[in-house]
mmCIF file of all heavy atoms, coordinates in Angstrom:
data_MODEL
# 
_entry.id   MODEL 
# 
loop_
_atom_site.group_PDB 
_atom_site.id 
_atom_site.type_symbol 
_atom_site.label_atom_id 
_atom_site.label_alt_id 
_atom_site.label_comp_id 
_atom_site.label_asym_id 
_atom_site.label_entity_id 
_atom_site.label_seq_id 
_atom_site.pdbx_PDB_ins_code 
_atom_site.Cartn_x 
_atom_site.Cartn_y 
_atom_site.Cartn_z 
_atom_site.occupancy 
_atom_site.B_iso_or_equiv 
_atom_site.pdbx_formal_charge 
_atom_site.auth_seq_id 
_atom_site.auth_comp_id 
_atom_site.auth_asym_id 
_atom_site.auth_atom_id 
_atom_site.pdbx_PDB_model_num 
ATOM 1   N N   . MET A 1 1  ? 112.163 -66.891 -112.048 1.00 0.00 ? 1  MET A N   1 
ATOM 2   C CA  . MET A 1 1  ? 110.722 -67.026 -111.852 1.00 0.00 ? 1  MET A CA  1 
ATOM 3   C C   . MET A 1 1  ? 110.014 -66.562 -113.119 1.00 0.00 ? 1  MET A C   1 
ATOM 4   O O   . MET A 1 1  ? 110.197 -65.426 -113.566 1.00 0.00 ? 1  MET A O   1 
ATOM 5   C CB  . MET A 1 1  ? 110.263 -66.217 -110.640 1.00 0.00 ? 1  MET A CB  1 
ATOM 6   C CG  . MET A 1 1  ? 111.050 -66.533 -109.371 1.00 0.00 ? 1  MET A CG  1 
ATOM 7   S SD  . MET A 1 1  ? 110.552 -65.580 -107.926 1.00 0.00 ? 1  MET A SD  1 
ATOM 8   C CE  . MET A 1 1  ? 108.996 -66.371 -107.538 1.00 0.00 ? 1  MET A CE  1 
ATOM 9   N N   . GLY A 1 2  ? 109.204 -67.458 -113.693 1.00 0.00 ? 2  GLY A N   1 
ATOM 10  C CA  . GLY A 1 2  ? 108.552 -67.166 -114.960 1.00 0.00 ? 2  GLY A CA  1 
ATOM 11  C C   . GLY A 1 2  ? 107.626 -65.969 -114.917 1.00 0.00 ? 2  GLY A C   1 
ATOM 12  O O   . GLY A 1 2  ? 107.363 -65.343 -115.941 1.00 0.00 ? 2  GLY A O   1 
ATOM 13  N N   . GLN A 1 3  ? 107.109 -65.625 -113.728 1.00 0.00 ? 3  GLN A N   1 
ATOM 14  C CA  . GLN A 1 3  ? 106.168 -64.518 -113.617 1.00 0.00 ? 3  GLN A CA  1 
ATOM 15  C C   . GLN A 1 3  ? 106.843 -63.222 -113.159 1.00 0.00 ? 3  GLN A C   1 
ATOM 16  O O   . GLN A 1 3  ? 106.172 -62.221 -112.932 1.00 0.00 ? 3  GLN A O   1 
ATOM 17  C CB  . GLN A 1 3  ? 105.033 -64.894 -112.661 1.00 0.00 ? 3  GLN A CB  1 
ATOM 18  C CG  . GLN A 1 3  ? 104.276 -66.142 -113.104 1.00 0.00 ? 3  GLN A CG  1 
ATOM 19  C CD  . GLN A 1 3  ? 103.056 -66.414 -112.265 1.00 0.00 ? 3  GLN A CD  1 
ATOM 20  O OE1 . GLN A 1 3  ? 102.123 -65.632 -112.236 1.00 0.00 ? 3  GLN A OE1 1 
ATOM 21  N NE2 . GLN A 1 3  ? 103.051 -67.536 -111.561 1.00 0.00 ? 3  GLN A NE2 1 
ATOM 22  N N   . LYS A 1 4  ? 108.142 -63.235 -112.997 1.00 0.00 ? 4  LYS A N   1 
ATOM 23  C CA  . LYS A 1 4  ? 108.877 -62.022 -112.634 1.00 0.00 ? 4  LYS A CA  1 
ATOM 24  C C   . LYS A 1 4  ? 110.072 -61.899 -113.578 1.00 0.00 ? 4  LYS A C   1 
ATOM 25  O O   . LYS A 1 4  ? 110.541 -62.886 -114.127 1.00 0.00 ? 4  LYS A O   1 
ATOM 26  C CB  . LYS A 1 4  ? 109.341 -62.075 -111.175 1.00 0.00 ? 4  LYS A CB  1 
ATOM 27  C CG  . LYS A 1 4  ? 108.191 -62.162 -110.181 1.00 0.00 ? 4  LYS A CG  1 
ATOM 28  C CD  . LYS A 1 4  ? 108.697 -62.134 -108.760 1.00 0.00 ? 4  LYS A CD  1 
ATOM 29  C CE  . LYS A 1 4  ? 107.562 -62.276 -107.755 1.00 0.00 ? 4  LYS A CE  1 
ATOM 30  N NZ  . LYS A 1 4  ? 106.633 -61.145 -107.798 1.00 0.00 ? 4  LYS A NZ  1 
ATOM 31  N N   . GLN A 1 5  ? 110.582 -60.683 -113.749 1.00 0.00 ? 5  GLN A N   1 
ATOM 32  C CA  . GLN A 1 5  ? 111.698 -60.538 -114.662 1.00 0.00 ? 5  GLN A CA  1 
ATOM 33  C C   . GLN A 1 5  ? 112.814 -59.715 -114.028 1.00 0.00 ? 5  GLN A C   1 
ATOM 34  O O   . GLN A 1 5  ? 112.581 -58.871 -113.158 1.00 0.00 ? 5  GLN A O   1 
ATOM 35  C CB  . GLN A 1 5  ? 111.254 -59.885 -115.965 1.00 0.00 ? 5  GLN A CB  1 
ATOM 36  C CG  . GLN A 1 5  ? 110.910 -58.407 -115.873 1.00 0.00 ? 5  GLN A CG  1 
ATOM 37  C CD  . GLN A 1 5  ? 110.746 -57.802 -117.258 1.00 0.00 ? 5  GLN A CD  1 
ATOM 38  O OE1 . GLN A 1 5  ? 110.172 -58.410 -118.135 1.00 0.00 ? 5  GLN A OE1 1 
ATOM 39  N NE2 . GLN A 1 5  ? 111.248 -56.607 -117.435 1.00 0.00 ? 5  GLN A NE2 1 
ATOM 40  N N   . GLN A 1 6  ? 114.017 -59.997 -114.478 1.00 0.00 ? 6  GLN A N   1 
ATOM 41  C CA  . GLN A 1 6  ? 115.179 -59.250 -114.023 1.00 0.00 ? 6  GLN A CA  1 
ATOM 42  C C   . GLN A 1 6  ? 115.725 -58.342 -115.119 1.00 0.00 ? 6  GLN A C   1 
ATOM 43  O O   . GLN A 1 6  ? 116.596 -57.508 -114.868 1.00 0.00 ? 6  GLN A O   1 
ATOM 44  C CB  . GLN A 1 6  ? 116.278 -60.209 -113.571 1.00 0.00 ? 6  GLN A CB  1 
ATOM 45  C CG  . GLN A 1 6  ? 116.779 -61.148 -114.672 1.00 0.00 ? 6  GLN A CG  1 
ATOM 46  C CD  . GLN A 1 6  ? 117.929 -62.015 -114.221 1.00 0.00 ? 6  GLN A CD  1 
ATOM 47  O OE1 . GLN A 1 6  ? 118.851 -61.545 -113.567 1.00 0.00 ? 6  GLN A OE1 1 
ATOM 48  N NE2 . GLN A 1 6  ? 117.880 -63.295 -114.585 1.00 0.00 ? 6  GLN A NE2 1 
ATOM 49  N N   . LEU A 1 7  ? 115.213 -58.500 -116.346 1.00 0.00 ? 7  LEU A N   1 
ATOM 50  C CA  . LEU A 1 7  ? 115.697 -57.663 -117.455 1.00 0.00 ? 7  LEU A CA  1 
ATOM 51  C C   . LEU A 1 7  ? 115.300 -56.209 -117.243 1.00 0.00 ? 7  LEU A C   1 
ATOM 52  O O   . LEU A 1 7  ? 114.195 -55.920 -116.774 1.00 0.00 ? 7  LEU A O   1 
ATOM 53  C CB  . LEU A 1 7  ? 115.128 -58.158 -118.783 1.00 0.00 ? 7  LEU A CB  1 
ATOM 54  C CG  . LEU A 1 7  ? 115.497 -59.577 -119.223 1.00 0.00 ? 7  LEU A CG  1 
ATOM 55  C CD1 . LEU A 1 7  ? 114.787 -59.918 -120.526 1.00 0.00 ? 7  LEU A CD1 1 
ATOM 56  C CD2 . LEU A 1 7  ? 116.995 -59.727 -119.376 1.00 0.00 ? 7  LEU A CD2 1 
ATOM 57  N N   . LEU A 1 8  ? 116.196 -55.310 -117.595 1.00 0.00 ? 8  LEU A N   1 
ATOM 58  C CA  . LEU A 1 8  ? 115.890 -53.876 -117.552 1.00 0.00 ? 8  LEU A CA  1 
ATOM 59  C C   . LEU A 1 8  ? 114.931 -53.555 -118.696 1.00 0.00 ? 8  LEU A C   1 
ATOM 60  O O   . LEU A 1 8  ? 115.258 -53.750 -119.869 1.00 0.00 ? 8  LEU A O   1 
ATOM 61  C CB  . LEU A 1 8  ? 117.180 -53.064 -117.665 1.00 0.00 ? 8  LEU A CB  1 
ATOM 62  C CG  . LEU A 1 8  ? 118.210 -53.362 -116.557 1.00 0.00 ? 8  LEU A CG  1 
ATOM 63  C CD1 . LEU A 1 8  ? 119.539 -52.694 -116.871 1.00 0.00 ? 8  LEU A CD1 1 
ATOM 64  C CD2 . LEU A 1 8  ? 117.685 -52.920 -115.207 1.00 0.00 ? 8  LEU A CD2 1 
ATOM 65  N N   . TRP A 1 9  ? 113.751 -53.068 -118.375 1.00 0.00 ? 9  TRP A N   1 
ATOM 66  C CA  . TRP A 1 9  ? 112.620 -53.016 -119.300 1.00 0.00 ? 9  TRP A CA  1 
ATOM 67  C C   . TRP A 1 9  ? 112.898 -52.210 -120.570 1.00 0.00 ? 9  TRP A C   1 
ATOM 68  O O   . TRP A 1 9  ? 112.529 -52.614 -121.668 1.00 0.00 ? 9  TRP A O   1 
ATOM 69  C CB  . TRP A 1 9  ? 111.407 -52.454 -118.574 1.00 0.00 ? 9  TRP A CB  1 
ATOM 70  C CG  . TRP A 1 9  ? 110.125 -52.487 -119.357 1.00 0.00 ? 9  TRP A CG  1 
ATOM 71  C CD1 . TRP A 1 9  ? 109.367 -51.430 -119.746 1.00 0.00 ? 9  TRP A CD1 1 
ATOM 72  C CD2 . TRP A 1 9  ? 109.437 -53.654 -119.836 1.00 0.00 ? 9  TRP A CD2 1 
ATOM 73  N NE1 . TRP A 1 9  ? 108.247 -51.841 -120.433 1.00 0.00 ? 9  TRP A NE1 1 
ATOM 74  C CE2 . TRP A 1 9  ? 108.270 -53.223 -120.503 1.00 0.00 ? 9  TRP A CE2 1 
ATOM 75  C CE3 . TRP A 1 9  ? 109.701 -55.026 -119.780 1.00 0.00 ? 9  TRP A CE3 1 
ATOM 76  C CZ2 . TRP A 1 9  ? 107.372 -54.101 -121.102 1.00 0.00 ? 9  TRP A CZ2 1 
ATOM 77  C CZ3 . TRP A 1 9  ? 108.803 -55.891 -120.372 1.00 0.00 ? 9  TRP A CZ3 1 
ATOM 78  C CH2 . TRP A 1 9  ? 107.662 -55.431 -121.024 1.00 0.00 ? 9  TRP A CH2 1 
ATOM 79  N N   . ASP A 1 10 ? 113.532 -51.065 -120.439 1.00 0.00 ? 10 ASP A N   1 
ATOM 80  C CA  . ASP A 1 10 ? 113.719 -50.178 -121.591 1.00 0.00 ? 10 ASP A CA  1 
ATOM 81  C C   . ASP A 1 10 ? 115.067 -50.354 -122.278 1.00 0.00 ? 10 ASP A C   1 
ATOM 82  O O   . ASP A 1 10 ? 115.363 -49.644 -123.244 1.00 0.00 ? 10 ASP A O   1 
ATOM 83  C CB  . ASP A 1 10 ? 113.564 -48.712 -121.163 1.00 0.00 ? 10 ASP A CB  1 
ATOM 84  C CG  . ASP A 1 10 ? 112.126 -48.374 -120.793 1.00 0.00 ? 10 ASP A CG  1 
ATOM 85  O OD1 . ASP A 1 10 ? 111.235 -48.726 -121.585 1.00 0.00 ? 10 ASP A OD1 1 
ATOM 86  O OD2 . ASP A 1 10 ? 111.901 -47.794 -119.720 1.00 0.00 ? 10 ASP A OD2 1 
ATOM 87  N N   . LEU A 1 11 ? 115.874 -51.296 -121.778 1.00 0.00 ? 11 LEU A N   1 
ATOM 88  C CA  . LEU A 1 11 ? 117.212 -51.499 -122.338 1.00 0.00 ? 11 LEU A CA  1 
ATOM 89  C C   . LEU A 1 11 ? 117.325 -52.888 -122.965 1.00 0.00 ? 11 LEU A C   1 
ATOM 90  O O   . LEU A 1 11 ? 116.586 -53.808 -122.599 1.00 0.00 ? 11 LEU A O   1 
ATOM 91  C CB  . LEU A 1 11 ? 118.276 -51.340 -121.247 1.00 0.00 ? 11 LEU A CB  1 
ATOM 92  C CG  . LEU A 1 11 ? 118.378 -49.950 -120.596 1.00 0.00 ? 11 LEU A CG  1 
ATOM 93  C CD1 . LEU A 1 11 ? 119.421 -49.970 -119.492 1.00 0.00 ? 11 LEU A CD1 1 
ATOM 94  C CD2 . LEU A 1 11 ? 118.715 -48.890 -121.633 1.00 0.00 ? 11 LEU A CD2 1 
ATOM 95  N N   . PRO A 1 12 ? 118.237 -53.064 -123.895 1.00 0.00 ? 12 PRO A N   1 
ATOM 96  C CA  . PRO A 1 12 ? 118.453 -54.398 -124.473 1.00 0.00 ? 12 PRO A CA  1 
ATOM 97  C C   . PRO A 1 12 ? 118.939 -55.381 -123.403 1.00 0.00 ? 12 PRO A C   1 
ATOM 98  O O   . PRO A 1 12 ? 119.633 -54.984 -122.457 1.00 0.00 ? 12 PRO A O   1 
ATOM 99  C CB  . PRO A 1 12 ? 119.538 -54.158 -125.535 1.00 0.00 ? 12 PRO A CB  1 
ATOM 100 C CG  . PRO A 1 12 ? 119.491 -52.698 -125.815 1.00 0.00 ? 12 PRO A CG  1 
ATOM 101 C CD  . PRO A 1 12 ? 119.084 -52.044 -124.531 1.00 0.00 ? 12 PRO A CD  1 
ATOM 102 N N   . PRO A 1 13 ? 118.613 -56.669 -123.526 1.00 0.00 ? 13 PRO A N   1 
ATOM 103 C CA  . PRO A 1 13 ? 119.074 -57.669 -122.553 1.00 0.00 ? 13 PRO A CA  1 
ATOM 104 C C   . PRO A 1 13 ? 120.584 -57.691 -122.370 1.00 0.00 ? 13 PRO A C   1 
ATOM 105 O O   . PRO A 1 13 ? 121.074 -58.045 -121.291 1.00 0.00 ? 13 PRO A O   1 
ATOM 106 C CB  . PRO A 1 13 ? 118.567 -58.989 -123.151 1.00 0.00 ? 13 PRO A CB  1 
ATOM 107 C CG  . PRO A 1 13 ? 117.357 -58.598 -123.923 1.00 0.00 ? 13 PRO A CG  1 
ATOM 108 C CD  . PRO A 1 13 ? 117.683 -57.256 -124.502 1.00 0.00 ? 13 PRO A CD  1 
ATOM 109 N N   . LEU A 1 14 ? 121.324 -57.312 -123.408 1.00 0.00 ? 14 LEU A N   1 
ATOM 110 C CA  . LEU A 1 14 ? 122.779 -57.301 -123.288 1.00 0.00 ? 14 LEU A CA  1 
ATOM 111 C C   . LEU A 1 14 ? 123.238 -56.391 -122.162 1.00 0.00 ? 14 LEU A C   1 
ATOM 112 O O   . LEU A 1 14 ? 124.249 -56.666 -121.502 1.00 0.00 ? 14 LEU A O   1 
ATOM 113 C CB  . LEU A 1 14 ? 123.412 -56.873 -124.614 1.00 0.00 ? 14 LEU A CB  1 
ATOM 114 C CG  . LEU A 1 14 ? 124.928 -57.018 -124.723 1.00 0.00 ? 14 LEU A CG  1 
ATOM 115 C CD1 . LEU A 1 14 ? 125.373 -58.451 -124.451 1.00 0.00 ? 14 LEU A CD1 1 
ATOM 116 C CD2 . LEU A 1 14 ? 125.405 -56.556 -126.098 1.00 0.00 ? 14 LEU A CD2 1 
ATOM 117 N N   . GLU A 1 15 ? 122.490 -55.305 -121.915 1.00 0.00 ? 15 GLU A N   1 
ATOM 118 C CA  . GLU A 1 15 ? 122.843 -54.393 -120.815 1.00 0.00 ? 15 GLU A CA  1 
ATOM 119 C C   . GLU A 1 15 ? 122.665 -55.104 -119.466 1.00 0.00 ? 15 GLU A C   1 
ATOM 120 O O   . GLU A 1 15 ? 123.486 -54.937 -118.557 1.00 0.00 ? 15 GLU A O   1 
ATOM 121 C CB  . GLU A 1 15 ? 121.961 -53.146 -120.867 1.00 0.00 ? 15 GLU A CB  1 
ATOM 122 C CG  . GLU A 1 15 ? 122.113 -52.321 -122.128 1.00 0.00 ? 15 GLU A CG  1 
ATOM 123 C CD  . GLU A 1 15 ? 123.444 -51.592 -122.177 1.00 0.00 ? 15 GLU A CD  1 
ATOM 124 O OE1 . GLU A 1 15 ? 124.093 -51.455 -121.124 1.00 0.00 ? 15 GLU A OE1 1 
ATOM 125 O OE2 . GLU A 1 15 ? 123.847 -51.163 -123.280 1.00 0.00 ? 15 GLU A OE2 1 
ATOM 126 N N   . THR A 1 16 ? 121.601 -55.892 -119.329 1.00 0.00 ? 16 THR A N   1 
ATOM 127 C CA  . THR A 1 16 ? 121.392 -56.650 -118.086 1.00 0.00 ? 16 THR A CA  1 
ATOM 128 C C   . THR A 1 16 ? 122.498 -57.681 -117.900 1.00 0.00 ? 16 THR A C   1 
ATOM 129 O O   . THR A 1 16 ? 123.001 -57.878 -116.786 1.00 0.00 ? 16 THR A O   1 
ATOM 130 C CB  . THR A 1 16 ? 120.025 -57.349 -118.104 1.00 0.00 ? 16 THR A CB  1 
ATOM 131 O OG1 . THR A 1 16 ? 118.995 -56.370 -118.265 1.00 0.00 ? 16 THR A OG1 1 
ATOM 132 C CG2 . THR A 1 16 ? 119.783 -58.111 -116.811 1.00 0.00 ? 16 THR A CG2 1 
ATOM 133 N N   . LEU A 1 17 ? 122.898 -58.334 -118.987 1.00 0.00 ? 17 LEU A N   1 
ATOM 134 C CA  . LEU A 1 17 ? 123.979 -59.308 -118.892 1.00 0.00 ? 17 LEU A CA  1 
ATOM 135 C C   . LEU A 1 17 ? 125.291 -58.652 -118.473 1.00 0.00 ? 17 LEU A C   1 
ATOM 136 O O   . LEU A 1 17 ? 126.046 -59.204 -117.667 1.00 0.00 ? 17 LEU A O   1 
ATOM 137 C CB  . LEU A 1 17 ? 124.149 -60.046 -120.222 1.00 0.00 ? 17 LEU A CB  1 
ATOM 138 C CG  . LEU A 1 17 ? 123.323 -61.326 -120.382 1.00 0.00 ? 17 LEU A CG  1 
ATOM 139 C CD1 . LEU A 1 17 ? 121.839 -61.003 -120.528 1.00 0.00 ? 17 LEU A CD1 1 
ATOM 140 C CD2 . LEU A 1 17 ? 123.798 -62.157 -121.565 1.00 0.00 ? 17 LEU A CD2 1 
ATOM 141 N N   . GLU A 1 18 ? 125.557 -57.472 -119.019 1.00 0.00 ? 18 GLU A N   1 
ATOM 142 C CA  . GLU A 1 18 ? 126.764 -56.733 -118.634 1.00 0.00 ? 18 GLU A CA  1 
ATOM 143 C C   . GLU A 1 18 ? 126.703 -56.335 -117.154 1.00 0.00 ? 18 GLU A C   1 
ATOM 144 O O   . GLU A 1 18 ? 127.715 -56.390 -116.443 1.00 0.00 ? 18 GLU A O   1 
ATOM 145 C CB  . GLU A 1 18 ? 126.912 -55.488 -119.503 1.00 0.00 ? 18 GLU A CB  1 
ATOM 146 C CG  . GLU A 1 18 ? 127.378 -55.764 -120.931 1.00 0.00 ? 18 GLU A CG  1 
ATOM 147 C CD  . GLU A 1 18 ? 128.877 -56.022 -121.008 1.00 0.00 ? 18 GLU A CD  1 
ATOM 148 O OE1 . GLU A 1 18 ? 129.546 -56.031 -119.944 1.00 0.00 ? 18 GLU A OE1 1 
ATOM 149 O OE2 . GLU A 1 18 ? 129.379 -56.236 -122.124 1.00 0.00 ? 18 GLU A OE2 1 
ATOM 150 N N   . LEU A 1 19 ? 125.525 -55.931 -116.700 1.00 0.00 ? 19 LEU A N   1 
ATOM 151 C CA  . LEU A 1 19 ? 125.354 -55.578 -115.292 1.00 0.00 ? 19 LEU A CA  1 
ATOM 152 C C   . LEU A 1 19 ? 125.605 -56.793 -114.400 1.00 0.00 ? 19 LEU A C   1 
ATOM 153 O O   . LEU A 1 19 ? 126.323 -56.703 -113.388 1.00 0.00 ? 19 LEU A O   1 
ATOM 154 C CB  . LEU A 1 19 ? 123.949 -55.025 -115.054 1.00 0.00 ? 19 LEU A CB  1 
ATOM 155 C CG  . LEU A 1 19 ? 123.593 -54.683 -113.599 1.00 0.00 ? 19 LEU A CG  1 
ATOM 156 C CD1 . LEU A 1 19 ? 124.496 -53.580 -113.063 1.00 0.00 ? 19 LEU A CD1 1 
ATOM 157 C CD2 . LEU A 1 19 ? 122.123 -54.262 -113.498 1.00 0.00 ? 19 LEU A CD2 1 
ATOM 158 N N   . ASN A 1 20 ? 125.031 -57.947 -114.780 1.00 0.00 ? 20 ASN A N   1 
ATOM 159 C CA  . ASN A 1 20 ? 125.252 -59.166 -114.002 1.00 0.00 ? 20 ASN A CA  1 
ATOM 160 C C   . ASN A 1 20 ? 126.714 -59.590 -114.027 1.00 0.00 ? 20 ASN A C   1 
ATOM 161 O O   . ASN A 1 20 ? 127.233 -60.126 -113.037 1.00 0.00 ? 20 ASN A O   1 
ATOM 162 C CB  . ASN A 1 20 ? 124.373 -60.294 -114.535 1.00 0.00 ? 20 ASN A CB  1 
ATOM 163 C CG  . ASN A 1 20 ? 122.915 -60.115 -114.149 1.00 0.00 ? 20 ASN A CG  1 
ATOM 164 O OD1 . ASN A 1 20 ? 122.559 -59.140 -113.498 1.00 0.00 ? 20 ASN A OD1 1 
ATOM 165 N ND2 . ASN A 1 20 ? 122.069 -61.045 -114.560 1.00 0.00 ? 20 ASN A ND2 1 
ATOM 166 N N   . ARG A 1 21 ? 127.396 -59.352 -115.138 1.00 0.00 ? 21 ARG A N   1 
ATOM 167 C CA  . ARG A 1 21 ? 128.827 -59.660 -115.207 1.00 0.00 ? 21 ARG A CA  1 
ATOM 168 C C   . ARG A 1 21 ? 129.585 -58.886 -114.151 1.00 0.00 ? 21 ARG A C   1 
ATOM 169 O O   . ARG A 1 21 ? 130.443 -59.436 -113.436 1.00 0.00 ? 21 ARG A O   1 
ATOM 170 C CB  . ARG A 1 21 ? 129.372 -59.307 -116.591 1.00 0.00 ? 21 ARG A CB  1 
ATOM 171 C CG  . ARG A 1 21 ? 130.859 -59.643 -116.759 1.00 0.00 ? 21 ARG A CG  1 
ATOM 172 C CD  . ARG A 1 21 ? 131.498 -58.874 -117.887 1.00 0.00 ? 21 ARG A CD  1 
ATOM 173 N NE  . ARG A 1 21 ? 131.569 -57.445 -117.594 1.00 0.00 ? 21 ARG A NE  1 
ATOM 174 C CZ  . ARG A 1 21 ? 132.470 -56.888 -116.769 1.00 0.00 ? 21 ARG A CZ  1 
ATOM 175 N NH1 . ARG A 1 21 ? 133.365 -57.649 -116.141 1.00 0.00 ? 21 ARG A NH1 1 
ATOM 176 N NH2 . ARG A 1 21 ? 132.467 -55.591 -116.550 1.00 0.00 ? 21 ARG A NH2 1 
ATOM 177 N N   . ALA A 1 22 ? 129.241 -57.613 -114.009 1.00 0.00 ? 22 ALA A N   1 
ATOM 178 C CA  . ALA A 1 22 ? 129.924 -56.776 -113.015 1.00 0.00 ? 22 ALA A CA  1 
ATOM 179 C C   . ALA A 1 22 ? 129.559 -57.195 -111.595 1.00 0.00 ? 22 ALA A C   1 
ATOM 180 O O   . ALA A 1 22 ? 130.425 -57.253 -110.710 1.00 0.00 ? 22 ALA A O   1 
ATOM 181 C CB  . ALA A 1 22 ? 129.562 -55.311 -113.254 1.00 0.00 ? 22 ALA A CB  1 
ATOM 182 N N   . ILE A 1 23 ? 128.274 -57.494 -111.366 1.00 0.00 ? 23 ILE A N   1 
ATOM 183 C CA  . ILE A 1 23 ? 127.830 -57.883 -110.028 1.00 0.00 ? 23 ILE A CA  1 
ATOM 184 C C   . ILE A 1 23 ? 128.506 -59.168 -109.578 1.00 0.00 ? 23 ILE A C   1 
ATOM 185 O O   . ILE A 1 23 ? 128.974 -59.278 -108.432 1.00 0.00 ? 23 ILE A O   1 
ATOM 186 C CB  . ILE A 1 23 ? 126.291 -58.049 -110.002 1.00 0.00 ? 23 ILE A CB  1 
ATOM 187 C CG1 . ILE A 1 23 ? 125.615 -56.684 -110.162 1.00 0.00 ? 23 ILE A CG1 1 
ATOM 188 C CG2 . ILE A 1 23 ? 125.832 -58.729 -108.717 1.00 0.00 ? 23 ILE A CG2 1 
ATOM 189 C CD1 . ILE A 1 23 ? 124.110 -56.756 -110.317 1.00 0.00 ? 23 ILE A CD1 1 
ATOM 190 N N   . TYR A 1 24 ? 128.595 -60.141 -110.476 1.00 0.00 ? 24 TYR A N   1 
ATOM 191 C CA  . TYR A 1 24 ? 129.165 -61.433 -110.123 1.00 0.00 ? 24 TYR A CA  1 
ATOM 192 C C   . TYR A 1 24 ? 130.675 -61.502 -110.370 1.00 0.00 ? 24 TYR A C   1 
ATOM 193 O O   . TYR A 1 24 ? 131.287 -62.553 -110.199 1.00 0.00 ? 24 TYR A O   1 
ATOM 194 C CB  . TYR A 1 24 ? 128.465 -62.548 -110.905 1.00 0.00 ? 24 TYR A CB  1 
ATOM 195 C CG  . TYR A 1 24 ? 127.051 -62.804 -110.434 1.00 0.00 ? 24 TYR A CG  1 
ATOM 196 C CD1 . TYR A 1 24 ? 125.959 -62.338 -111.158 1.00 0.00 ? 24 TYR A CD1 1 
ATOM 197 C CD2 . TYR A 1 24 ? 126.804 -63.494 -109.254 1.00 0.00 ? 24 TYR A CD2 1 
ATOM 198 C CE1 . TYR A 1 24 ? 124.655 -62.570 -110.733 1.00 0.00 ? 24 TYR A CE1 1 
ATOM 199 C CE2 . TYR A 1 24 ? 125.523 -63.733 -108.816 1.00 0.00 ? 24 TYR A CE2 1 
ATOM 200 C CZ  . TYR A 1 24 ? 124.446 -63.262 -109.562 1.00 0.00 ? 24 TYR A CZ  1 
ATOM 201 O OH  . TYR A 1 24 ? 123.161 -63.497 -109.125 1.00 0.00 ? 24 TYR A OH  1 
ATOM 202 N N   . GLU A 1 25 ? 131.257 -60.382 -110.784 1.00 0.00 ? 25 GLU A N   1 
ATOM 203 C CA  . GLU A 1 25 ? 132.711 -60.264 -110.970 1.00 0.00 ? 25 GLU A CA  1 
ATOM 204 C C   . GLU A 1 25 ? 133.244 -61.317 -111.944 1.00 0.00 ? 25 GLU A C   1 
ATOM 205 O O   . GLU A 1 25 ? 134.258 -61.966 -111.699 1.00 0.00 ? 25 GLU A O   1 
ATOM 206 C CB  . GLU A 1 25 ? 133.422 -60.372 -109.624 1.00 0.00 ? 25 GLU A CB  1 
ATOM 207 C CG  . GLU A 1 25 ? 133.013 -59.267 -108.647 1.00 0.00 ? 25 GLU A CG  1 
ATOM 208 C CD  . GLU A 1 25 ? 133.693 -59.415 -107.288 1.00 0.00 ? 25 GLU A CD  1 
ATOM 209 O OE1 . GLU A 1 25 ? 134.104 -60.546 -106.935 1.00 0.00 ? 25 GLU A OE1 1 
ATOM 210 O OE2 . GLU A 1 25 ? 133.816 -58.404 -106.584 1.00 0.00 ? 25 GLU A OE2 1 
ATOM 211 N N   . VAL A 1 26 ? 132.539 -61.466 -113.055 1.00 0.00 ? 26 VAL A N   1 
ATOM 212 C CA  . VAL A 1 26 ? 132.978 -62.385 -114.104 1.00 0.00 ? 26 VAL A CA  1 
ATOM 213 C C   . VAL A 1 26 ? 133.970 -61.646 -114.998 1.00 0.00 ? 26 VAL A C   1 
ATOM 214 O O   . VAL A 1 26 ? 133.685 -60.551 -115.484 1.00 0.00 ? 26 VAL A O   1 
ATOM 215 C CB  . VAL A 1 26 ? 131.778 -62.872 -114.948 1.00 0.00 ? 26 VAL A CB  1 
ATOM 216 C CG1 . VAL A 1 26 ? 132.253 -63.812 -116.049 1.00 0.00 ? 26 VAL A CG1 1 
ATOM 217 C CG2 . VAL A 1 26 ? 130.751 -63.557 -114.056 1.00 0.00 ? 26 VAL A CG2 1 
ATOM 218 N N   . GLN A 1 27 ? 135.129 -62.230 -115.197 1.00 0.00 ? 27 GLN A N   1 
ATOM 219 C CA  . GLN A 1 27 ? 136.142 -61.602 -116.032 1.00 0.00 ? 27 GLN A CA  1 
ATOM 220 C C   . GLN A 1 27 ? 135.641 -61.473 -117.480 1.00 0.00 ? 27 GLN A C   1 
ATOM 221 O O   . GLN A 1 27 ? 134.930 -62.348 -117.979 1.00 0.00 ? 27 GLN A O   1 
ATOM 222 C CB  . GLN A 1 27 ? 137.444 -62.413 -116.001 1.00 0.00 ? 27 GLN A CB  1 
ATOM 223 C CG  . GLN A 1 27 ? 138.074 -62.489 -114.618 1.00 0.00 ? 27 GLN A CG  1 
ATOM 224 C CD  . GLN A 1 27 ? 138.485 -61.124 -114.089 1.00 0.00 ? 27 GLN A CD  1 
ATOM 225 O OE1 . GLN A 1 27 ? 139.046 -60.305 -114.828 1.00 0.00 ? 27 GLN A OE1 1 
ATOM 226 N NE2 . GLN A 1 27 ? 138.197 -60.869 -112.820 1.00 0.00 ? 27 GLN A NE2 1 
ATOM 227 N N   . LYS A 1 28 ? 136.031 -60.399 -118.149 1.00 0.00 ? 28 LYS A N   1 
ATOM 228 C CA  . LYS A 1 28 ? 135.506 -60.125 -119.484 1.00 0.00 ? 28 LYS A CA  1 
ATOM 229 C C   . LYS A 1 28 ? 135.785 -61.243 -120.498 1.00 0.00 ? 28 LYS A C   1 
ATOM 230 O O   . LYS A 1 28 ? 134.897 -61.591 -121.290 1.00 0.00 ? 28 LYS A O   1 
ATOM 231 C CB  . LYS A 1 28 ? 136.040 -58.788 -119.990 1.00 0.00 ? 28 LYS A CB  1 
ATOM 232 C CG  . LYS A 1 28 ? 135.385 -57.590 -119.298 1.00 0.00 ? 28 LYS A CG  1 
ATOM 233 C CD  . LYS A 1 28 ? 135.748 -56.286 -119.970 1.00 0.00 ? 28 LYS A CD  1 
ATOM 234 C CE  . LYS A 1 28 ? 135.001 -55.119 -119.311 1.00 0.00 ? 28 LYS A CE  1 
ATOM 235 N NZ  . LYS A 1 28 ? 135.307 -53.830 -119.980 1.00 0.00 ? 28 LYS A NZ  1 
ATOM 236 N N   . PRO A 1 29 ? 136.983 -61.819 -120.532 1.00 0.00 ? 29 PRO A N   1 
ATOM 237 C CA  . PRO A 1 29 ? 137.198 -62.931 -121.478 1.00 0.00 ? 29 PRO A CA  1 
ATOM 238 C C   . PRO A 1 29 ? 136.268 -64.117 -121.205 1.00 0.00 ? 29 PRO A C   1 
ATOM 239 O O   . PRO A 1 29 ? 135.750 -64.732 -122.137 1.00 0.00 ? 29 PRO A O   1 
ATOM 240 C CB  . PRO A 1 29 ? 138.668 -63.307 -121.257 1.00 0.00 ? 29 PRO A CB  1 
ATOM 241 C CG  . PRO A 1 29 ? 139.298 -62.076 -120.699 1.00 0.00 ? 29 PRO A CG  1 
ATOM 242 C CD  . PRO A 1 29 ? 138.255 -61.450 -119.847 1.00 0.00 ? 29 PRO A CD  1 
# 
């Protein structure tokens, strides 16, 4: 949603991507 965000405000987007990787159980490779 363009008017809402899921990024962690004070952290780099890479941290949010890493969090989503863990939530969705995406293998590291």
